[in-house]
Amino acid sequence: MALDERGFVKVDEYLETTKKNIFAVGDINGQQMFTHVANVEASLAADNAIHGRKTKMDYSAAPHAVYSTPRLHP
């Protein structure tokens, strides 16, 4: 499998790697590293692999989280 310049597994818009019928989801593909996104990726990749459908992963509606430490007041 090919890696990108950051060391993540390269995938196409269907989450398929450079090896036919091998898919990469979650943190390993470096797309959006959130659990809820990985769950959607896994479902889509399974559907593409098992049923032979070609559905593209759509990240446009993926929710994001920002974690911060609140400022402490004296």
C-alpha atoms as a PDB file:
ATOM      1  CA  MET A   1       0.000   0.000   0.000  1.00  0.00           C
ATOM      2  CA  ALA A   2       1.162   3.498  -0.744  1.00  0.00           C
ATOM      3  CA  LEU A   3       1.650   6.068   1.995  1.00  0.00           C
ATOM      4  CA  ASP A   4       1.253   9.809   1.690  1.00  0.00           C
ATOM      5  CA  GLU A   5       3.897  12.359   2.668  1.00  0.00           C
ATOM      6  CA  ARG A   6       2.652  12.311   6.292  1.00  0.00           C
ATOM      7  CA  GLY A   7       2.876   8.505   6.563  1.00  0.00           C
ATOM      8  CA  PHE A   8      -0.847   7.755   6.295  1.00  0.00           C
ATOM      9  CA  VAL A   9      -2.266   5.084   3.979  1.00  0.00           C
ATOM     10  CA  LYS A  10      -3.435   6.686   0.733  1.00  0.00           C
ATOM     11  CA  VAL A  11      -7.100   6.160  -0.092  1.00  0.00           C
ATOM     12  CA  ASP A  12      -9.348   7.306  -2.899  1.00  0.00           C
ATOM     13  CA  GLU A  13     -12.767   8.933  -2.471  1.00  0.00           C
ATOM     14  CA  TYR A  14     -14.232   5.439  -1.882  1.00  0.00           C
ATOM     15  CA  LEU A  15     -11.697   4.742   0.917  1.00  0.00           C
ATOM     16  CA  GLU A  16      -9.976   2.088  -1.209  1.00  0.00           C
ATOM     17  CA  THR A  17      -6.196   1.909  -0.940  1.00  0.00           C
ATOM     18  CA  THR A  18      -3.816   1.497  -3.855  1.00  0.00           C
ATOM     19  CA  LYS A  19      -4.396  -2.265  -3.442  1.00  0.00           C
ATOM     20  CA  LYS A  20      -7.659  -3.292  -5.102  1.00  0.00           C
ATOM     21  CA  ASN A  21     -10.407  -4.299  -2.632  1.00  0.00           C
ATOM     22  CA  ILE A  22      -8.383  -3.168   0.400  1.00  0.00           C
ATOM     23  CA  PHE A  23      -9.911  -0.275   2.310  1.00  0.00           C
ATOM     24  CA  ALA A  24      -8.477   1.916   5.071  1.00  0.00           C
ATOM     25  CA  VAL A  25     -10.657   3.727   7.596  1.00  0.00           C
ATOM     26  CA  GLY A  26     -10.096   5.691  10.768  1.00  0.00           C
ATOM     27  CA  ASP A  27      -6.816   7.178  11.917  1.00  0.00           C
ATOM     28  CA  ILE A  28      -4.743   5.128   9.471  1.00  0.00           C
ATOM     29  CA  ASN A  29      -5.972   7.098   6.441  1.00  0.00           C
ATOM     30  CA  GLY A  30      -5.348  10.503   8.044  1.00  0.00           C
ATOM     31  CA  GLN A  31      -8.541  12.076   6.714  1.00  0.00           C
ATOM     32  CA  GLN A  32     -10.465  13.200   9.793  1.00  0.00           C
ATOM     33  CA  MET A  33      -9.399  11.499  12.980  1.00  0.00           C
ATOM     34  CA  PHE A  34     -12.613  11.373  14.985  1.00  0.00           C
ATOM     35  CA  THR A  35     -14.357   8.227  16.213  1.00  0.00           C
ATOM     36  CA  HIS A  36     -17.711   9.205  14.735  1.00  0.00           C
ATOM     37  CA  VAL A  37     -16.084   9.797  11.322  1.00  0.00           C
ATOM     38  CA  ALA A  38     -14.299   6.418  11.507  1.00  0.00           C
ATOM     39  CA  ASN A  39     -17.649   4.739  12.188  1.00  0.00           C
ATOM     40  CA  VAL A  40     -19.162   6.270   9.059  1.00  0.00           C
ATOM     41  CA  GLU A  41     -16.040   5.422   7.029  1.00  0.00           C
ATOM     42  CA  ALA A  42     -16.192   1.789   8.194  1.00  0.00           C
ATOM     43  CA  SER A  43     -19.835   1.445   7.246  1.00  0.00           C
ATOM     44  CA  LEU A  44     -19.250   2.989   3.830  1.00  0.00           C
ATOM     45  CA  ALA A  45     -16.117   0.926   3.142  1.00  0.00           C
ATOM     46  CA  ALA A  46     -17.923  -2.283   4.127  1.00  0.00           C
ATOM     47  CA  ASP A  47     -20.803  -1.421   1.829  1.00  0.00           C
ATOM     48  CA  ASN A  48     -18.392  -0.651  -1.020  1.00  0.00           C
ATOM     49  CA  ALA A  49     -16.441  -3.871  -0.435  1.00  0.00           C
ATOM     50  CA  ILE A  50     -19.270  -6.328   0.215  1.00  0.00           C
ATOM     51  CA  HIS A  51     -21.959  -5.017  -2.107  1.00  0.00           C
ATOM     52  CA  GLY A  52     -19.649  -3.662  -4.791  1.00  0.00           C
ATOM     53  CA  ARG A  53     -21.232  -0.236  -4.592  1.00  0.00           C
ATOM     54  CA  LYS A  54     -19.145   2.802  -5.316  1.00  0.00           C
ATOM     55  CA  THR A  55     -20.246   5.402  -2.802  1.00  0.00           C
ATOM     56  CA  LYS A  56     -17.909   8.311  -2.122  1.00  0.00           C
ATOM     57  CA  MET A  57     -17.100   9.370   1.425  1.00  0.00           C
ATOM     58  CA  ASP A  58     -18.561  12.815   2.103  1.00  0.00           C
ATOM     59  CA  TYR A  59     -16.731  14.719   4.838  1.00  0.00           C
ATOM     60  CA  SER A  60     -18.671  17.958   4.327  1.00  0.00           C
ATOM     61  CA  ALA A  61     -21.248  17.199   7.023  1.00  0.00           C
ATOM     62  CA  ALA A  62     -18.890  15.642   9.582  1.00  0.00           C
ATOM     63  CA  PRO A  63     -19.165  17.338  12.974  1.00  0.00           C
ATOM     64  CA  HIS A  64     -15.958  18.556  14.560  1.00  0.00           C
ATOM     65  CA  ALA A  65     -14.948  19.101  18.135  1.00  0.00           C
ATOM     66  CA  VAL A  66     -12.612  21.645  19.613  1.00  0.00           C
ATOM     67  CA  TYR A  67     -11.075  20.786  22.956  1.00  0.00           C
ATOM     68  CA  SER A  68      -9.721  23.501  25.181  1.00  0.00           C
ATOM     69  CA  THR A  69      -8.933  24.267  28.776  1.00  0.00           C
ATOM     70  CA  PRO A  70     -11.091  27.044  30.205  1.00  0.00           C
ATOM     71  CA  ARG A  71      -9.253  30.074  31.463  1.00  0.00           C
ATOM     72  CA  LEU A  72      -8.853  29.980  35.242  1.00  0.00           C
ATOM     73  CA  HIS A  73      -9.877  33.097  37.115  1.00  0.00           C
ATOM     74  CA  PRO A  74      -8.007  34.043  40.303  1.00  0.00           C
END
